[in-house]
Amino acid sequence: MLKEPLLQPLFGSGNPHHVDRLTAFFTEVFGGPAEYTNQRGGFGTIMHAHRGLGIREEQRQRFVELLVAAADPAQLPADTRFRRAWAEHAEFGSHVAMQNANARSDAELHPLRTVPHWDW
């Protein structure tokens, strides 16, 4: 993702800590330790990171495509229910991120304020 030309305006040249942050976030979302909330500032941090990015629909779709495709190389569970949940969360989360990235005021932010918990 960090090298994807369409996503370069969002990720730049790639923050070396970005992958670790995303991993902590997704680990918490899918029932792992609450490291993202307890050590990285929780959902407010991710909301702040997306503000002003102006994510476009084609960028959102490409992010989802790449995140879903990353499940195999990351050796995530291969069962159908998990993979469906992974894809559903990617869709949901990318819409939340896009809404927050394009919000011109706090009133336009997505109402989600805590790290969501996804089950499968």
C-alpha atoms as a PDB file:
ATOM      1  CA  MET A   1       0.000   0.000   0.000  1.00  0.00           C
ATOM      2  CA  LEU A   2       2.757   2.403   0.895  1.00  0.00           C
ATOM      3  CA  LYS A   3       4.139   2.175  -2.650  1.00  0.00           C
ATOM      4  CA  GLU A   4       0.803   2.371  -4.495  1.00  0.00           C
ATOM      5  CA  PRO A   5       0.837   5.508  -6.716  1.00  0.00           C
ATOM      6  CA  LEU A   6      -2.869   6.232  -6.192  1.00  0.00           C
ATOM      7  CA  LEU A   7      -2.359   6.174  -2.420  1.00  0.00           C
ATOM      8  CA  GLN A   8       0.898   8.160  -2.356  1.00  0.00           C
ATOM      9  CA  PRO A   9      -0.919  11.451  -1.634  1.00  0.00           C
ATOM     10  CA  LEU A  10      -2.299   9.803   1.511  1.00  0.00           C
ATOM     11  CA  PHE A  11       0.710   7.801   2.650  1.00  0.00           C
ATOM     12  CA  GLY A  12       3.536   9.881   1.175  1.00  0.00           C
ATOM     13  CA  SER A  13       6.804   8.015   0.974  1.00  0.00           C
ATOM     14  CA  GLY A  14       5.655   5.758   3.765  1.00  0.00           C
ATOM     15  CA  ASN A  15       5.984   6.336   7.457  1.00  0.00           C
ATOM     16  CA  PRO A  16       8.063   3.435   8.845  1.00  0.00           C
ATOM     17  CA  HIS A  17       5.694   3.231  11.832  1.00  0.00           C
ATOM     18  CA  HIS A  18       2.488   3.249   9.781  1.00  0.00           C
ATOM     19  CA  VAL A  19       2.363  -0.516   9.316  1.00  0.00           C
ATOM     20  CA  ASP A  20       2.870  -1.076  13.063  1.00  0.00           C
ATOM     21  CA  ARG A  21       0.043   1.358  13.847  1.00  0.00           C
ATOM     22  CA  LEU A  22      -2.328  -0.272  11.367  1.00  0.00           C
ATOM     23  CA  THR A  23      -1.413  -3.711  12.727  1.00  0.00           C
ATOM     24  CA  ALA A  24      -2.175  -2.608  16.292  1.00  0.00           C
ATOM     25  CA  PHE A  25      -5.476  -1.084  15.158  1.00  0.00           C
ATOM     26  CA  PHE A  26      -6.638  -4.156  13.218  1.00  0.00           C
ATOM     27  CA  THR A  27      -5.472  -6.490  15.984  1.00  0.00           C
ATOM     28  CA  GLU A  28      -7.681  -4.632  18.451  1.00  0.00           C
ATOM     29  CA  VAL A  29     -10.608  -4.497  16.001  1.00  0.00           C
ATOM     30  CA  PHE A  30     -10.530  -8.276  15.616  1.00  0.00           C
ATOM     31  CA  GLY A  31     -10.395  -9.057  19.329  1.00  0.00           C
ATOM     32  CA  GLY A  32      -6.721  -8.808  20.187  1.00  0.00           C
ATOM     33  CA  PRO A  33      -5.104  -6.675  22.883  1.00  0.00           C
ATOM     34  CA  ALA A  34      -6.230  -3.052  23.139  1.00  0.00           C
ATOM     35  CA  GLU A  35      -2.741  -1.724  22.370  1.00  0.00           C
ATOM     36  CA  TYR A  36      -4.049   0.846  19.901  1.00  0.00           C
ATOM     37  CA  THR A  37      -6.422   2.286  22.480  1.00  0.00           C
ATOM     38  CA  ASN A  38      -4.120   1.977  25.498  1.00  0.00           C
ATOM     39  CA  GLN A  39      -0.785   2.967  23.961  1.00  0.00           C
ATOM     40  CA  ARG A  40      -1.500   4.828  20.740  1.00  0.00           C
ATOM     41  CA  GLY A  41      -4.302   7.190  21.707  1.00  0.00           C
ATOM     42  CA  GLY A  42      -7.357   5.234  20.609  1.00  0.00           C
ATOM     43  CA  PHE A  43      -9.841   6.174  17.950  1.00  0.00           C
ATOM     44  CA  GLY A  44      -9.276   9.910  18.373  1.00  0.00           C
ATOM     45  CA  THR A  45      -5.746   9.427  17.036  1.00  0.00           C
ATOM     46  CA  ILE A  46      -6.930   7.772  13.859  1.00  0.00           C
ATOM     47  CA  MET A  47      -9.674  10.379  13.392  1.00  0.00           C
ATOM     48  CA  HIS A  48      -7.099  13.145  13.691  1.00  0.00           C
ATOM     49  CA  ALA A  49      -4.741  11.386  11.254  1.00  0.00           C
ATOM     50  CA  HIS A  50      -7.431  11.272   8.565  1.00  0.00           C
ATOM     51  CA  ARG A  51      -8.724  14.846   8.953  1.00  0.00           C
ATOM     52  CA  GLY A  52      -7.967  16.951   5.922  1.00  0.00           C
ATOM     53  CA  LEU A  53      -6.650  14.099   3.752  1.00  0.00           C
ATOM     54  CA  GLY A  54      -9.478  14.520   1.237  1.00  0.00           C
ATOM     55  CA  ILE A  55      -9.677  10.797   0.464  1.00  0.00           C
ATOM     56  CA  ARG A  56     -11.339  10.214  -2.908  1.00  0.00           C
ATOM     57  CA  GLU A  57     -13.563   7.241  -3.753  1.00  0.00           C
ATOM     58  CA  GLU A  58     -11.004   5.659  -6.080  1.00  0.00           C
ATOM     59  CA  GLN A  59      -8.388   5.859  -3.307  1.00  0.00           C
ATOM     60  CA  ARG A  60     -10.792   4.308  -0.820  1.00  0.00           C
ATOM     61  CA  GLN A  61     -11.573   1.460  -3.206  1.00  0.00           C
ATOM     62  CA  ARG A  62      -7.893   0.797  -3.944  1.00  0.00           C
ATOM     63  CA  PHE A  63      -7.060   0.765  -0.227  1.00  0.00           C
ATOM     64  CA  VAL A  64      -9.805  -1.828   0.367  1.00  0.00           C
ATOM     65  CA  GLU A  65      -8.620  -3.909  -2.586  1.00  0.00           C
ATOM     66  CA  LEU A  66      -5.035  -3.957  -1.323  1.00  0.00           C
ATOM     67  CA  LEU A  67      -5.999  -4.580   2.303  1.00  0.00           C
ATOM     68  CA  VAL A  68      -8.168  -7.546   1.346  1.00  0.00           C
ATOM     69  CA  ALA A  69      -5.403  -8.912  -0.900  1.00  0.00           C
ATOM     70  CA  ALA A  70      -2.884  -8.585   1.945  1.00  0.00           C
ATOM     71  CA  ALA A  71      -4.671 -11.253   3.988  1.00  0.00           C
ATOM     72  CA  ASP A  72      -2.802 -14.121   2.294  1.00  0.00           C
ATOM     73  CA  PRO A  73       0.739 -12.709   2.550  1.00  0.00           C
ATOM     74  CA  ALA A  74       0.006 -11.688   6.159  1.00  0.00           C
ATOM     75  CA  GLN A  75      -1.090 -15.274   6.847  1.00  0.00           C
ATOM     76  CA  LEU A  76      -4.428 -14.206   8.285  1.00  0.00           C
ATOM     77  CA  PRO A  77      -6.973 -16.963   8.894  1.00  0.00           C
ATOM     78  CA  ALA A  78      -8.158 -18.420   5.599  1.00  0.00           C
ATOM     79  CA  ASP A  79     -11.629 -19.490   6.702  1.00  0.00           C
ATOM     80  CA  THR A  80     -14.479 -17.962   4.734  1.00  0.00           C
ATOM     81  CA  ARG A  81     -16.174 -16.291   7.703  1.00  0.00           C
ATOM     82  CA  PHE A  82     -12.997 -14.487   8.769  1.00  0.00           C
ATOM     83  CA  ARG A  83     -12.192 -13.353   5.232  1.00  0.00           C
ATOM     84  CA  ARG A  84     -15.732 -12.033   4.790  1.00  0.00           C
ATOM     85  CA  ALA A  85     -15.427 -10.126   8.089  1.00  0.00           C
ATOM     86  CA  TRP A  86     -12.011  -8.792   7.026  1.00  0.00           C
ATOM     87  CA  ALA A  87     -13.467  -7.473   3.762  1.00  0.00           C
ATOM     88  CA  GLU A  88     -16.574  -6.065   5.476  1.00  0.00           C
ATOM     89  CA  HIS A  89     -14.457  -4.218   8.009  1.00  0.00           C
ATOM     90  CA  ALA A  90     -12.206  -2.872   5.247  1.00  0.00           C
ATOM     91  CA  GLU A  91     -15.292  -1.468   3.494  1.00  0.00           C
ATOM     92  CA  PHE A  92     -16.781  -0.053   6.687  1.00  0.00           C
ATOM     93  CA  GLY A  93     -13.540   1.431   7.985  1.00  0.00           C
ATOM     94  CA  SER A  94     -12.619   2.970   4.654  1.00  0.00           C
ATOM     95  CA  HIS A  95     -15.987   4.741   4.506  1.00  0.00           C
ATOM     96  CA  VAL A  96     -15.459   6.070   8.039  1.00  0.00           C
ATOM     97  CA  ALA A  97     -11.955   7.245   7.090  1.00  0.00           C
ATOM     98  CA  MET A  98     -13.193   8.905   3.900  1.00  0.00           C
ATOM     99  CA  GLN A  99     -15.993  10.709   5.734  1.00  0.00           C
ATOM    100  CA  ASN A 100     -13.564  11.972   8.376  1.00  0.00           C
ATOM    101  CA  ALA A 101     -10.978  12.891   5.738  1.00  0.00           C
ATOM    102  CA  ASN A 102     -13.488  15.104   3.971  1.00  0.00           C
ATOM    103  CA  ALA A 103     -15.263  16.588   6.992  1.00  0.00           C
ATOM    104  CA  ARG A 104     -15.194  20.383   6.960  1.00  0.00           C
ATOM    105  CA  SER A 105     -16.439  20.579  10.536  1.00  0.00           C
ATOM    106  CA  ASP A 106     -16.748  18.372  13.605  1.00  0.00           C
ATOM    107  CA  ALA A 107     -20.456  17.989  12.815  1.00  0.00           C
ATOM    108  CA  GLU A 108     -19.537  16.225   9.547  1.00  0.00           C
ATOM    109  CA  LEU A 109     -17.321  13.625  11.247  1.00  0.00           C
ATOM    110  CA  HIS A 110     -18.507  10.040  11.415  1.00  0.00           C
ATOM    111  CA  PRO A 111     -20.151   9.410  14.814  1.00  0.00           C
ATOM    112  CA  LEU A 112     -17.857   6.466  15.646  1.00  0.00           C
ATOM    113  CA  ARG A 113     -15.598   7.442  18.556  1.00  0.00           C
ATOM    114  CA  THR A 114     -14.096   4.165  19.754  1.00  0.00           C
ATOM    115  CA  VAL A 115     -12.171   1.380  18.063  1.00  0.00           C
ATOM    116  CA  PRO A 116     -14.872  -0.911  16.663  1.00  0.00           C
ATOM    117  CA  HIS A 117     -14.883  -4.608  17.505  1.00  0.00           C
ATOM    118  CA  TRP A 118     -15.507  -6.956  14.607  1.00  0.00           C
ATOM    119  CA  ASP A 119     -16.524 -10.553  15.052  1.00  0.00           C
ATOM    120  CA  TRP A 120     -16.758 -13.438  12.642  1.00  0.00           C
END
